[in-house]
N, C-alpha and C. Protein backbone atom coordinates (compact mmCIF):
# COMPACT_ATOMS: atom_id res chain seq x y z
N MET A 1 50.82 71.44 101.15
CA MET A 1 52.45 70.84 99.69
C MET A 1 53.50 71.44 100.47
N GLU A 2 54.42 70.98 100.37
CA GLU A 2 55.91 71.02 100.70
C GLU A 2 56.86 72.04 100.02
N GLN A 3 57.29 72.59 100.72
CA GLN A 3 58.13 73.36 99.69
C GLN A 3 59.76 73.54 99.55
N THR A 4 60.21 73.22 98.47
CA THR A 4 61.44 72.81 98.39
C THR A 4 62.11 73.67 97.52
N GLU A 5 63.33 73.73 97.66
CA GLU A 5 64.37 74.92 97.35
C GLU A 5 65.69 74.34 96.54
N ASN A 6 65.27 75.14 95.31
CA ASN A 6 66.83 74.30 94.43
C ASN A 6 68.03 74.88 95.14
N THR A 7 68.96 74.37 94.88
CA THR A 7 70.56 74.90 95.38
C THR A 7 71.74 74.10 94.67
N LYS A 8 72.31 75.50 93.49
CA LYS A 8 73.34 75.21 93.15
C LYS A 8 74.77 74.64 93.26
N VAL A 9 75.02 73.25 93.15
CA VAL A 9 76.41 73.25 94.22
C VAL A 9 77.64 72.96 92.60
N ASP A 10 78.32 74.02 92.85
CA ASP A 10 79.84 73.76 91.70
C ASP A 10 80.85 72.70 92.67
N VAL A 11 80.90 71.66 91.62
CA VAL A 11 82.14 70.89 92.07
C VAL A 11 83.23 70.85 91.12
N LYS A 12 84.62 71.37 91.54
CA LYS A 12 85.82 70.39 90.48
C LYS A 12 86.68 70.34 91.42
N ILE A 13 86.88 68.88 90.72
CA ILE A 13 87.77 67.47 90.69
C ILE A 13 89.11 68.20 90.33
N GLU A 14 89.85 68.22 90.44
CA GLU A 14 91.35 67.91 89.78
C GLU A 14 92.70 66.51 90.05
N PHE A 15 92.88 66.34 89.03
CA PHE A 15 93.63 65.23 89.40
C PHE A 15 95.05 65.32 88.96
N SER A 16 96.28 65.27 90.24
CA SER A 16 97.03 65.63 90.20
C SER A 16 98.17 64.37 89.55
N THR A 17 97.15 63.73 89.22
CA THR A 17 98.56 62.43 88.28
C THR A 17 98.39 62.81 86.98
N THR A 18 99.54 63.42 86.11
CA THR A 18 99.49 63.37 84.87
C THR A 18 100.37 62.48 83.99
N LEU A 19 100.59 62.81 82.66
CA LEU A 19 100.90 61.18 82.31
C LEU A 19 102.83 61.65 82.28
N GLU A 20 102.68 62.99 82.52
CA GLU A 20 104.70 63.20 83.02
C GLU A 20 105.38 62.15 84.44
N LYS A 21 103.86 62.33 85.39
CA LYS A 21 103.79 62.05 86.44
C LYS A 21 103.73 59.94 86.74
N ILE A 22 103.00 59.46 85.35
CA ILE A 22 103.19 58.17 85.58
C ILE A 22 103.99 57.88 85.07
N LEU A 23 104.90 58.73 84.09
CA LEU A 23 105.91 58.34 82.73
C LEU A 23 107.03 58.38 84.51
N MET A 24 107.55 58.97 84.52
CA MET A 24 108.38 59.17 85.82
C MET A 24 108.28 57.99 87.11
N ASP A 25 107.14 58.19 87.38
CA ASP A 25 106.66 56.71 88.42
C ASP A 25 106.96 55.85 87.54
N LEU A 26 106.74 54.85 86.88
CA LEU A 26 107.25 53.91 85.75
C LEU A 26 108.86 53.56 85.73
N GLY A 27 109.07 54.79 85.48
CA GLY A 27 110.72 55.08 84.91
C GLY A 27 111.57 54.41 86.05
N CYS A 28 111.48 55.19 87.24
CA CYS A 28 111.63 54.48 88.79
C CYS A 28 111.34 53.09 89.14
N GLU A 29 110.67 52.89 88.60
CA GLU A 29 110.13 51.40 88.97
C GLU A 29 110.78 50.76 87.91
N ILE A 30 110.94 50.86 86.74
CA ILE A 30 112.44 50.00 85.89
C ILE A 30 113.26 50.08 86.53
N SER A 31 114.19 51.52 87.32
CA SER A 31 115.16 50.95 87.85
C SER A 31 115.44 50.35 88.59
N LYS A 32 114.20 50.34 89.72
CA LYS A 32 114.07 49.20 91.10
C LYS A 32 114.18 48.27 90.40
N ILE A 33 113.26 47.93 89.60
CA ILE A 33 113.30 46.55 89.12
C ILE A 33 114.49 45.60 88.72
N THR A 34 115.19 46.33 87.96
CA THR A 34 116.54 45.95 87.52
C THR A 34 117.49 46.32 87.94
N GLU A 35 117.51 46.58 89.41
CA GLU A 35 118.52 47.25 90.06
C GLU A 35 119.39 47.99 89.90
N TRP A 36 118.88 49.25 89.05
CA TRP A 36 119.53 50.35 88.72
C TRP A 36 120.87 49.61 86.98
N SER A 37 120.62 48.82 86.86
CA SER A 37 121.77 48.15 85.83
C SER A 37 121.35 49.26 84.67
N PRO A 38 121.82 49.65 83.84
CA PRO A 38 121.86 50.74 82.92
C PRO A 38 121.76 49.97 81.61
N SER A 39 122.42 48.45 81.65
CA SER A 39 122.18 47.83 80.31
C SER A 39 120.74 47.06 80.24
N MET A 40 120.69 46.81 81.65
CA MET A 40 119.16 45.97 81.72
C MET A 40 117.73 47.01 81.11
N ILE A 41 118.29 48.23 81.54
CA ILE A 41 116.87 49.37 81.37
C ILE A 41 117.40 49.27 80.16
N THR A 42 118.35 49.41 79.16
CA THR A 42 118.47 49.81 77.69
C THR A 42 117.73 48.16 77.17
N ASP A 43 118.29 47.13 77.64
CA ASP A 43 117.37 46.33 76.67
C ASP A 43 115.64 46.30 76.74
N ILE A 44 115.10 46.79 77.68
CA ILE A 44 114.09 47.21 77.82
C ILE A 44 113.33 48.20 76.70
N PHE A 45 114.00 48.89 77.15
CA PHE A 45 114.11 50.17 76.13
C PHE A 45 114.02 49.50 74.77
N GLN A 46 115.18 48.75 74.32
CA GLN A 46 114.79 48.38 72.89
C GLN A 46 113.89 47.22 73.10
N LEU A 47 113.49 46.39 73.77
CA LEU A 47 112.40 45.72 73.61
C LEU A 47 111.18 46.41 73.11
N ALA A 48 110.90 47.33 73.67
CA ALA A 48 109.88 48.40 73.58
C ALA A 48 109.38 49.05 72.78
N LEU A 49 110.94 49.86 72.01
CA LEU A 49 110.93 50.10 70.76
C LEU A 49 110.55 49.25 69.30
N GLU A 50 111.18 47.44 69.54
CA GLU A 50 110.81 46.78 68.49
C GLU A 50 109.37 46.81 68.88
N ASP A 51 108.97 46.49 70.12
CA ASP A 51 107.06 46.40 70.15
C ASP A 51 106.33 47.75 69.46
N ALA A 52 106.79 48.66 69.23
CA ALA A 52 106.33 49.87 68.69
C ALA A 52 106.92 50.27 67.36
N ASN A 53 107.40 49.12 66.52
CA ASN A 53 107.95 48.78 65.27
C ASN A 53 108.84 49.83 65.04
N ALA A 54 109.28 50.54 65.54
CA ALA A 54 111.04 51.46 65.95
C ALA A 54 111.80 50.72 65.47
N HIS A 55 111.89 49.73 64.45
CA HIS A 55 112.85 48.96 64.23
C HIS A 55 114.14 49.82 63.41
N THR A 56 114.42 50.70 62.62
CA THR A 56 115.60 51.99 62.20
C THR A 56 116.11 52.74 63.89
N PHE A 57 115.07 53.31 64.19
CA PHE A 57 115.87 53.74 65.35
C PHE A 57 116.27 52.73 66.80
N ASN A 58 115.72 51.59 66.33
CA ASN A 58 116.63 50.56 67.42
C ASN A 58 117.70 50.01 66.80
N GLU A 59 117.59 49.54 65.69
CA GLU A 59 118.70 49.33 65.05
C GLU A 59 120.41 50.31 65.54
N GLY A 60 119.95 51.51 65.77
CA GLY A 60 121.09 53.09 65.59
C GLY A 60 121.23 52.70 67.33
N ILE A 61 120.45 52.38 68.08
CA ILE A 61 120.49 52.25 69.31
C ILE A 61 121.29 51.08 69.64
N THR A 62 121.54 50.19 68.70
CA THR A 62 122.38 48.63 68.94
C THR A 62 123.73 49.00 68.38
N LYS A 63 123.65 49.93 67.73
CA LYS A 63 124.91 50.16 66.77
C LYS A 63 125.92 51.05 68.09
N LEU A 64 125.07 52.26 68.79
CA LEU A 64 125.73 52.73 69.57
C LEU A 64 126.15 51.97 70.69
N ARG A 65 125.52 51.41 71.19
CA ARG A 65 125.59 49.96 72.40
C ARG A 65 127.47 49.61 71.69
N LYS A 66 127.26 48.96 70.70
CA LYS A 66 128.26 48.24 70.21
C LYS A 66 129.79 48.93 70.39
N GLU A 67 129.31 50.50 69.95
CA GLU A 67 130.26 51.34 69.90
C GLU A 67 131.23 51.54 71.39
N HIS A 68 130.27 51.80 72.31
CA HIS A 68 130.66 52.00 73.99
C HIS A 68 130.46 51.25 74.57
N ASN A 69 130.69 49.22 73.94
CA ASN A 69 130.80 48.17 74.65
C ASN A 69 129.62 48.27 75.77
N PHE A 70 128.35 48.81 75.38
CA PHE A 70 127.48 48.97 76.49
C PHE A 70 126.46 48.03 76.39
C-alpha cells in the first residue's frame, strides 16, 4: 500500500489594483483622449452626471461654467 502525505500550503494573493488607481488611470486616459482640453473633460463629467441623474448638481456646474466663460 502506497503511503501518502498531506501537505498544507498557504497561498496569499494580493491585487495592487485598487478602485482609486483605476479611477486615476481613467482620468489620465480621458485627459489624453481629449488632448487635455478642460472644456471637453468638463463636458464628459457633465454627461456622466446626467447619466447618474444628478440633474440639480449638473445645473450648478453649468451655471458655474457660464459665470467663468468656461
